[in-house]
Amino acid sequence: MTRHEEELDVGKHLAPVGNVHLEKRVEAERVAQEVPRERERASVERLEASEGDSGEIETLPDGSVSIPVLEEEIVVSKRVVVRERIVVRKEVTTETEHVEAELRREHVEIHEE
């Protein structure tokens, strides 16, 4: 005959209790800025010839004089800049739980005749 006895076997497993959700928003902001720029304009000034002036001028084939007129061009560029890093950590805590269970135990009685 075999005698059996129950023993308490307590185990544990991980059960999900919730989630962490991160949401990223992008805001757009209109930015206006005043930027000074230079522009060249041609002006004509008439002067009397001075002594020793050779009188030679550079002319184009059609007889006109070409003077380059320059204007500053505004250049706008955008770049992505890291402003912040977000770190999410999980924390593990240990708690003691009270566990109760009913155990059965077999007893063998021997009767001799």
C-alpha atoms as a PDB file:
ATOM      1  CA  MET A   1       0.000   0.000   0.000  1.00  0.00           C
ATOM      2  CA  THR A   2       1.234   3.495  -0.728  1.00  0.00           C
ATOM      3  CA  ARG A   3       0.518   6.506   1.360  1.00  0.00           C
ATOM      4  CA  HIS A   4       0.091   9.903  -0.322  1.00  0.00           C
ATOM      5  CA  GLU A   5       0.386  13.356   1.087  1.00  0.00           C
ATOM      6  CA  GLU A   6      -0.201  16.675  -0.632  1.00  0.00           C
ATOM      7  CA  GLU A   7       2.424  19.360  -0.451  1.00  0.00           C
ATOM      8  CA  LEU A   8       2.010  23.034  -1.274  1.00  0.00           C
ATOM      9  CA  ASP A   9       3.750  23.989  -4.482  1.00  0.00           C
ATOM     10  CA  VAL A  10       3.637  27.740  -4.941  1.00  0.00           C
ATOM     11  CA  GLY A  11       4.836  29.129  -8.232  1.00  0.00           C
ATOM     12  CA  LYS A  12       4.590  32.452  -9.904  1.00  0.00           C
ATOM     13  CA  HIS A  13       4.354  33.749 -13.445  1.00  0.00           C
ATOM     14  CA  LEU A  14       4.393  37.174 -15.003  1.00  0.00           C
ATOM     15  CA  ALA A  15       0.989  38.565 -15.866  1.00  0.00           C
ATOM     16  CA  PRO A  16       0.541  41.832 -17.730  1.00  0.00           C
ATOM     17  CA  VAL A  17      -1.024  44.548 -15.575  1.00  0.00           C
ATOM     18  CA  GLY A  18      -0.900  47.435 -17.994  1.00  0.00           C
ATOM     19  CA  ASN A  19       1.019  49.173 -20.728  1.00  0.00           C
ATOM     20  CA  VAL A  20       2.942  52.393 -21.148  1.00  0.00           C
ATOM     21  CA  HIS A  21       1.902  54.372 -24.195  1.00  0.00           C
ATOM     22  CA  LEU A  22       4.022  57.187 -25.604  1.00  0.00           C
ATOM     23  CA  GLU A  23       2.579  59.707 -27.980  1.00  0.00           C
ATOM     24  CA  LYS A  24       4.617  62.119 -30.004  1.00  0.00           C
ATOM     25  CA  ARG A  25       3.115  65.387 -31.195  1.00  0.00           C
ATOM     26  CA  VAL A  26       4.515  67.739 -33.793  1.00  0.00           C
ATOM     27  CA  GLU A  27       3.681  71.397 -33.521  1.00  0.00           C
ATOM     28  CA  ALA A  28       4.252  73.811 -36.377  1.00  0.00           C
ATOM     29  CA  GLU A  29       4.964  77.442 -35.735  1.00  0.00           C
ATOM     30  CA  ARG A  30       5.048  80.098 -38.417  1.00  0.00           C
ATOM     31  CA  VAL A  31       8.169  82.232 -38.053  1.00  0.00           C
ATOM     32  CA  ALA A  32       8.745  85.558 -39.753  1.00  0.00           C
ATOM     33  CA  GLN A  33      11.989  87.463 -39.633  1.00  0.00           C
ATOM     34  CA  GLU A  34      13.150  90.726 -41.117  1.00  0.00           C
ATOM     35  CA  VAL A  35      16.389  90.291 -43.070  1.00  0.00           C
ATOM     36  CA  PRO A  36      18.284  93.249 -44.470  1.00  0.00           C
ATOM     37  CA  ARG A  37      19.617  92.790 -47.973  1.00  0.00           C
ATOM     38  CA  GLU A  38      21.657  94.947 -50.228  1.00  0.00           C
ATOM     39  CA  ARG A  39      20.802  95.808 -53.808  1.00  0.00           C
ATOM     40  CA  GLU A  40      23.038  97.644 -56.195  1.00  0.00           C
ATOM     41  CA  ARG A  41      21.640 100.249 -58.521  1.00  0.00           C
ATOM     42  CA  ALA A  42      23.466 101.948 -61.274  1.00  0.00           C
ATOM     43  CA  SER A  43      23.643 105.701 -61.258  1.00  0.00           C
ATOM     44  CA  VAL A  44      24.971 107.889 -63.979  1.00  0.00           C
ATOM     45  CA  GLU A  45      27.236 110.786 -63.165  1.00  0.00           C
ATOM     46  CA  ARG A  46      28.503 113.187 -65.772  1.00  0.00           C
ATOM     47  CA  LEU A  47      31.937 114.601 -65.122  1.00  0.00           C
ATOM     48  CA  GLU A  48      34.056 116.959 -67.096  1.00  0.00           C
ATOM     49  CA  ALA A  49      37.109 115.361 -68.536  1.00  0.00           C
ATOM     50  CA  SER A  50      40.195 115.886 -66.468  1.00  0.00           C
ATOM     51  CA  GLU A  51      43.644 116.609 -67.713  1.00  0.00           C
ATOM     52  CA  GLY A  52      45.411 113.430 -68.821  1.00  0.00           C
ATOM     53  CA  ASP A  53      42.178 111.503 -69.380  1.00  0.00           C
ATOM     54  CA  SER A  54      42.788 109.075 -72.258  1.00  0.00           C
ATOM     55  CA  GLY A  55      39.124 108.980 -73.128  1.00  0.00           C
ATOM     56  CA  GLU A  56      39.234 105.238 -73.728  1.00  0.00           C
ATOM     57  CA  ILE A  57      36.253 103.325 -72.533  1.00  0.00           C
ATOM     58  CA  GLU A  58      35.304  99.705 -72.910  1.00  0.00           C
ATOM     59  CA  THR A  59      32.250  99.363 -75.026  1.00  0.00           C
ATOM     60  CA  LEU A  60      30.139  96.436 -76.188  1.00  0.00           C
ATOM     61  CA  PRO A  61      29.746  95.626 -79.852  1.00  0.00           C
ATOM     62  CA  ASP A  62      26.426  97.507 -79.930  1.00  0.00           C
ATOM     63  CA  GLY A  63      28.121 100.574 -78.479  1.00  0.00           C
ATOM     64  CA  SER A  64      26.731 100.351 -74.959  1.00  0.00           C
ATOM     65  CA  VAL A  65      28.644  99.872 -71.717  1.00  0.00           C
ATOM     66  CA  SER A  66      27.788  96.884 -69.538  1.00  0.00           C
ATOM     67  CA  ILE A  67      27.940  97.316 -65.783  1.00  0.00           C
ATOM     68  CA  PRO A  68      27.000  94.369 -63.572  1.00  0.00           C
ATOM     69  CA  VAL A  69      24.302  95.176 -61.059  1.00  0.00           C
ATOM     70  CA  LEU A  70      24.229  92.810 -58.085  1.00  0.00           C
ATOM     71  CA  GLU A  71      21.515  91.947 -55.613  1.00  0.00           C
ATOM     72  CA  GLU A  72      21.792  89.812 -52.488  1.00  0.00           C
ATOM     73  CA  GLU A  73      19.739  86.654 -52.683  1.00  0.00           C
ATOM     74  CA  ILE A  74      18.081  85.412 -49.469  1.00  0.00           C
ATOM     75  CA  VAL A  75      18.807  81.732 -48.779  1.00  0.00           C
ATOM     76  CA  VAL A  76      16.681  79.927 -46.186  1.00  0.00           C
ATOM     77  CA  SER A  77      17.414  76.391 -45.022  1.00  0.00           C
ATOM     78  CA  LYS A  78      16.040  74.165 -42.301  1.00  0.00           C
ATOM     79  CA  ARG A  79      17.772  71.438 -40.335  1.00  0.00           C
ATOM     80  CA  VAL A  80      16.619  68.916 -37.759  1.00  0.00           C
ATOM     81  CA  VAL A  81      18.116  69.484 -34.316  1.00  0.00           C
ATOM     82  CA  VAL A  82      17.899  67.033 -31.397  1.00  0.00           C
ATOM     83  CA  ARG A  83      16.302  68.938 -28.511  1.00  0.00           C
ATOM     84  CA  GLU A  84      15.476  66.175 -26.061  1.00  0.00           C
ATOM     85  CA  ARG A  85      15.923  62.450 -25.460  1.00  0.00           C
ATOM     86  CA  ILE A  86      13.219  60.527 -23.610  1.00  0.00           C
ATOM     87  CA  VAL A  87      14.243  57.487 -21.563  1.00  0.00           C
ATOM     88  CA  VAL A  88      11.603  55.041 -20.291  1.00  0.00           C
ATOM     89  CA  ARG A  89      12.676  52.559 -17.621  1.00  0.00           C
ATOM     90  CA  LYS A  90      10.828  49.655 -16.046  1.00  0.00           C
ATOM     91  CA  GLU A  91      11.016  49.237 -12.308  1.00  0.00           C
ATOM     92  CA  VAL A  92      10.645  45.844 -10.624  1.00  0.00           C
ATOM     93  CA  THR A  93       9.415  45.686  -7.035  1.00  0.00           C
ATOM     94  CA  THR A  94       9.066  42.611  -4.842  1.00  0.00           C
ATOM     95  CA  GLU A  95       6.030  42.230  -2.612  1.00  0.00           C
ATOM     96  CA  THR A  96       5.105  39.426  -0.216  1.00  0.00           C
ATOM     97  CA  GLU A  97       1.702  37.862  -0.804  1.00  0.00           C
ATOM     98  CA  HIS A  98      -0.150  35.660   1.680  1.00  0.00           C
ATOM     99  CA  VAL A  99      -1.125  32.348   0.060  1.00  0.00           C
ATOM    100  CA  GLU A 100      -3.457  29.808   1.678  1.00  0.00           C
ATOM    101  CA  ALA A 101      -4.450  26.392   0.414  1.00  0.00           C
ATOM    102  CA  GLU A 102      -6.057  23.272   1.824  1.00  0.00           C
ATOM    103  CA  LEU A 103      -3.742  20.290   1.858  1.00  0.00           C
ATOM    104  CA  ARG A 104      -4.896  16.684   2.155  1.00  0.00           C
ATOM    105  CA  ARG A 105      -2.831  14.065   3.821  1.00  0.00           C
ATOM    106  CA  GLU A 106      -3.502  10.339   3.858  1.00  0.00           C
ATOM    107  CA  HIS A 107      -3.070   8.312   7.020  1.00  0.00           C
ATOM    108  CA  VAL A 108      -2.851   4.595   7.134  1.00  0.00           C
ATOM    109  CA  GLU A 109      -4.337   2.786  10.070  1.00  0.00           C
ATOM    110  CA  ILE A 110      -3.175  -0.714  10.673  1.00  0.00           C
ATOM    111  CA  HIS A 111      -5.489  -3.149  12.419  1.00  0.00           C
ATOM    112  CA  GLU A 112      -4.151  -6.495  13.352  1.00  0.00           C
ATOM    113  CA  GLU A 113      -6.371  -9.484  13.987  1.00  0.00           C
END
